[in-house]
């Protein structure tokens, strides 16, 4: 399946579609600078899903190279004993962040997320842990609050993070592709969620 005509704008629409379940107003506001309509967003997402399901479509890192161009940068890292490589690109909608793709030892794509630029300033997050939607990525929460725990989300693009504020309040934040969407007070009486498998945090 050819990816011609599907580029950075369309890829951003795919990311936004997953965020729309949580923040529809923010997503619709983001369409305006992209110059797209609701129909454009639906078509981009439907096409990407068909590519994901197609056995003939380009896969792995090559797919991102076709859609986003050559990576802006890359670096090596290890997760446990596994040698991995991290590639990144910049997306116009999130100028303070970058899109990162993690590949395993065989070169296959393990995951992708929005992350803070390495060395970039972490925004000042509220002491009570009530995070404003789209205000931070997972790495920012890790650097700001104590006792951060990664939990399984309900879809591959979703990530849940439980954390404790300096005042001892338990919070649960929900992220889509590494960007915060909602935050709520965590009920300590609820059944504990399953911890998510380890990876480099966005």
Protein backbone atom coordinates (compact mmCIF):
# COMPACT_ATOMS: atom_id res chain seq x y z
CA UNK A 1 0.00 0.00 0.00
CA UNK A 2 1.49 3.31 -1.13
CA UNK A 3 2.00 6.15 1.37
CA UNK A 4 2.31 8.89 -1.24
CA UNK A 5 0.34 11.97 -0.22
CA UNK A 6 0.43 11.02 3.45
CA UNK A 7 2.88 13.26 5.26
CA UNK A 8 3.53 15.20 8.45
CA UNK A 9 0.10 16.89 8.55
CA UNK A 10 -1.75 13.61 8.11
CA UNK A 11 0.41 11.90 10.71
CA UNK A 12 -0.43 14.64 13.22
CA UNK A 13 -4.11 14.03 12.50
CA UNK A 14 -3.65 10.38 13.42
CA UNK A 15 -2.15 11.35 16.78
CA UNK A 16 -4.94 13.85 17.36
CA UNK A 17 -7.62 11.25 16.64
CA UNK A 18 -6.50 9.19 19.63
CA UNK A 19 -6.49 12.31 21.81
CA UNK A 20 -9.99 13.27 20.65
CA UNK A 21 -11.52 10.63 22.91
CA UNK A 22 -10.33 12.70 25.89
CA UNK A 23 -10.04 16.28 24.64
CA UNK A 24 -12.33 16.86 21.62
CA UNK A 25 -12.30 20.66 21.97
CA UNK A 26 -8.52 20.87 22.02
CA UNK A 27 -8.31 18.59 19.02
CA UNK A 28 -10.78 20.62 17.00
CA UNK A 29 -8.85 23.78 17.87
CA UNK A 30 -5.67 22.09 16.63
CA UNK A 31 -7.23 21.40 13.24
CA UNK A 32 -7.45 25.12 12.42
CA UNK A 33 -3.68 25.87 12.12
CA UNK A 34 -3.35 22.68 10.09
CA UNK A 35 -6.00 23.93 7.66
CA UNK A 36 -7.96 20.69 7.81
CA UNK A 37 -11.57 19.69 8.34
CA UNK A 38 -13.23 16.98 10.40
CA UNK A 39 -13.56 14.98 7.20
CA UNK A 40 -9.82 15.31 6.50
CA UNK A 41 -9.09 14.03 10.00
CA UNK A 42 -11.37 11.02 9.58
CA UNK A 43 -9.86 10.15 6.21
CA UNK A 44 -6.29 10.39 7.51
CA UNK A 45 -7.05 8.13 10.44
CA UNK A 46 -8.94 5.62 8.30
CA UNK A 47 -6.05 5.46 5.85
CA UNK A 48 -3.47 4.95 8.62
CA UNK A 49 -5.56 2.15 10.11
CA UNK A 50 -5.76 0.45 6.73
CA UNK A 51 -1.98 0.74 6.42
CA UNK A 52 -1.58 -0.81 9.88
CA UNK A 53 -3.70 -3.78 8.82
CA UNK A 54 -2.19 -4.23 5.36
CA UNK A 55 0.33 -7.02 4.84
CA UNK A 56 1.74 -5.20 1.82
CA UNK A 57 2.34 -1.82 3.47
CA UNK A 58 5.82 -0.62 4.38
CA UNK A 59 6.52 -1.39 8.03
CA UNK A 60 8.82 -0.43 10.84
CA UNK A 61 11.12 2.56 10.72
CA UNK A 62 10.87 2.79 6.93
CA UNK A 63 7.21 3.76 7.27
CA UNK A 64 8.14 6.72 9.46
CA UNK A 65 10.92 7.72 7.06
CA UNK A 66 8.42 7.83 4.18
CA UNK A 67 5.83 9.81 6.14
CA UNK A 68 8.04 12.13 8.23
CA UNK A 69 11.27 12.20 6.25
CA UNK A 70 14.72 11.37 7.55
CA UNK A 71 14.97 11.38 11.37
CA UNK A 72 16.28 14.62 12.82
CA UNK A 73 18.47 12.63 15.18
CA UNK A 74 19.07 9.24 16.73
CA UNK A 75 20.78 7.77 19.76
CA UNK A 76 21.64 4.40 21.23
CA UNK A 77 20.34 3.21 24.60
CA UNK A 78 19.87 0.04 26.55
CA UNK A 79 16.71 -1.20 28.24
CA UNK A 80 17.90 -3.84 30.65
CA UNK A 81 20.24 -6.00 28.62
CA UNK A 82 18.65 -5.09 25.28
CA UNK A 83 20.45 -2.70 22.92
CA UNK A 84 17.94 -0.29 21.38
CA UNK A 85 17.97 2.81 19.23
CA UNK A 86 15.87 5.96 19.53
CA UNK A 87 14.98 8.07 16.50
CA UNK A 88 13.22 11.42 16.61
CA UNK A 89 11.43 13.97 14.45
CA UNK A 90 9.86 17.38 15.14
CA UNK A 91 6.16 18.02 14.54
CA UNK A 92 4.76 21.55 13.99
CA UNK A 93 1.84 21.13 16.39
CA UNK A 94 4.14 20.48 19.35
CA UNK A 95 7.24 22.68 18.82
CA UNK A 96 8.57 22.08 22.36
CA UNK A 97 8.38 18.31 21.96
CA UNK A 98 9.54 15.70 19.50
CA UNK A 99 8.16 12.44 18.16
CA UNK A 100 10.34 9.53 19.26
CA UNK A 101 10.38 6.00 17.90
CA UNK A 102 12.09 3.20 19.79
CA UNK A 103 13.47 0.26 17.85
CA UNK A 104 14.72 -3.03 19.23
CA UNK A 105 17.86 -5.00 18.48
CA UNK A 106 16.39 -6.32 15.19
CA UNK A 107 15.38 -2.84 14.05
CA UNK A 108 11.66 -3.43 14.59
CA UNK A 109 9.62 -0.56 16.03
CA UNK A 110 8.75 -1.12 19.69
CA UNK A 111 6.84 2.08 20.44
CA UNK A 112 6.38 5.75 19.57
CA UNK A 113 5.52 8.79 21.71
CA UNK A 114 5.83 12.54 22.15
CA UNK A 115 8.68 13.51 24.48
CA UNK A 116 10.47 16.58 25.78
CA UNK A 117 13.58 17.61 23.89
CA UNK A 118 16.61 16.20 25.69
CA UNK A 119 17.87 18.94 27.97
CA UNK A 120 14.68 20.96 27.45
CA UNK A 121 13.19 22.87 30.35
CA UNK A 122 10.51 20.97 32.23
CA UNK A 123 7.40 23.14 32.68
CA UNK A 124 6.36 24.11 36.20
CA UNK A 125 3.69 21.58 37.13
CA UNK A 126 1.17 22.25 39.93
CA UNK A 127 2.00 21.04 43.43
CA UNK A 128 -1.47 19.49 43.76
CA UNK A 129 -0.87 17.35 40.65
CA UNK A 130 -3.92 18.64 38.77
CA UNK A 131 -2.27 18.65 35.35
CA UNK A 132 -3.67 20.82 32.58
CA UNK A 133 -4.44 18.78 29.43
CA UNK A 134 -1.58 18.78 26.92
CA UNK A 135 0.68 20.64 29.39
CA UNK A 136 3.33 17.95 29.85
CA UNK A 137 4.71 14.57 28.83
CA UNK A 138 5.43 11.54 30.98
CA UNK A 139 9.07 12.45 31.52
CA UNK A 140 8.00 15.81 32.99
CA UNK A 141 5.88 14.02 35.60
CA UNK A 142 8.77 11.71 36.46
CA UNK A 143 11.05 14.69 37.02
CA UNK A 144 8.51 16.62 39.12
CA UNK A 145 6.67 14.24 41.43
CA UNK A 146 7.78 11.44 43.77
CA UNK A 147 6.64 7.82 43.62
CA UNK A 148 5.76 7.63 39.93
CA UNK A 149 4.43 4.29 38.71
CA UNK A 150 3.63 3.33 35.11
CA UNK A 151 0.41 1.39 34.58
CA UNK A 152 -1.18 -0.42 31.66
CA UNK A 153 -3.48 1.70 29.53
CA UNK A 154 -6.47 0.33 27.66
CA UNK A 155 -4.91 0.71 24.20
CA UNK A 156 -1.35 0.67 22.79
CA UNK A 157 -1.32 4.46 22.39
CA UNK A 158 -2.51 5.06 25.96
CA UNK A 159 -0.35 5.20 29.06
CA UNK A 160 -1.45 5.63 32.66
CA UNK A 161 0.80 7.06 35.36
CA UNK A 162 0.09 6.98 39.08
CA UNK A 163 2.02 9.52 41.11
CA UNK A 164 2.09 11.16 44.52
CA UNK A 165 2.20 14.91 45.04
CA UNK A 166 4.52 16.59 47.57
CA UNK A 167 1.50 16.87 49.88
CA UNK A 168 0.93 13.11 49.71
CA UNK A 169 -2.12 13.11 47.44
CA UNK A 170 -2.42 10.19 45.03
CA UNK A 171 -3.15 11.10 41.41
CA UNK A 172 -3.72 9.17 38.20
CA UNK A 173 -2.83 10.81 34.89
CA UNK A 174 -3.82 9.45 31.49
CA UNK A 175 -1.56 10.04 28.51
CA UNK A 176 -2.05 9.47 24.78
CA UNK A 177 1.16 9.08 22.79
CA UNK A 178 3.02 10.45 25.81
CA UNK A 179 0.99 13.70 26.12
CA UNK A 180 -1.18 14.22 29.21
CA UNK A 181 -4.95 14.21 28.62
CA UNK A 182 -6.67 13.95 32.01
CA UNK A 183 -5.76 13.79 35.70
CA UNK A 184 -7.86 12.64 38.62
CA UNK A 185 -7.51 11.87 42.31
CA UNK A 186 -6.64 8.21 42.62
CA UNK A 187 -8.86 6.11 44.86
CA UNK A 188 -6.54 4.21 47.16
CA UNK A 189 -9.33 1.68 47.79
CA UNK A 190 -9.49 0.67 44.12
CA UNK A 191 -7.91 -2.56 42.94
CA UNK A 192 -4.28 -1.96 41.98
CA UNK A 193 -3.68 -1.68 38.24
CA UNK A 194 -1.12 -3.86 36.55
CA UNK A 195 2.27 -2.26 36.18
CA UNK A 196 3.28 -1.57 32.60
CA UNK A 197 6.33 -3.24 31.16
CA UNK A 198 9.49 -1.16 31.38
CA UNK A 199 10.53 1.17 28.61
CA UNK A 200 12.18 4.55 28.29
CA UNK A 201 9.67 7.12 29.51
CA UNK A 202 8.66 9.91 27.11
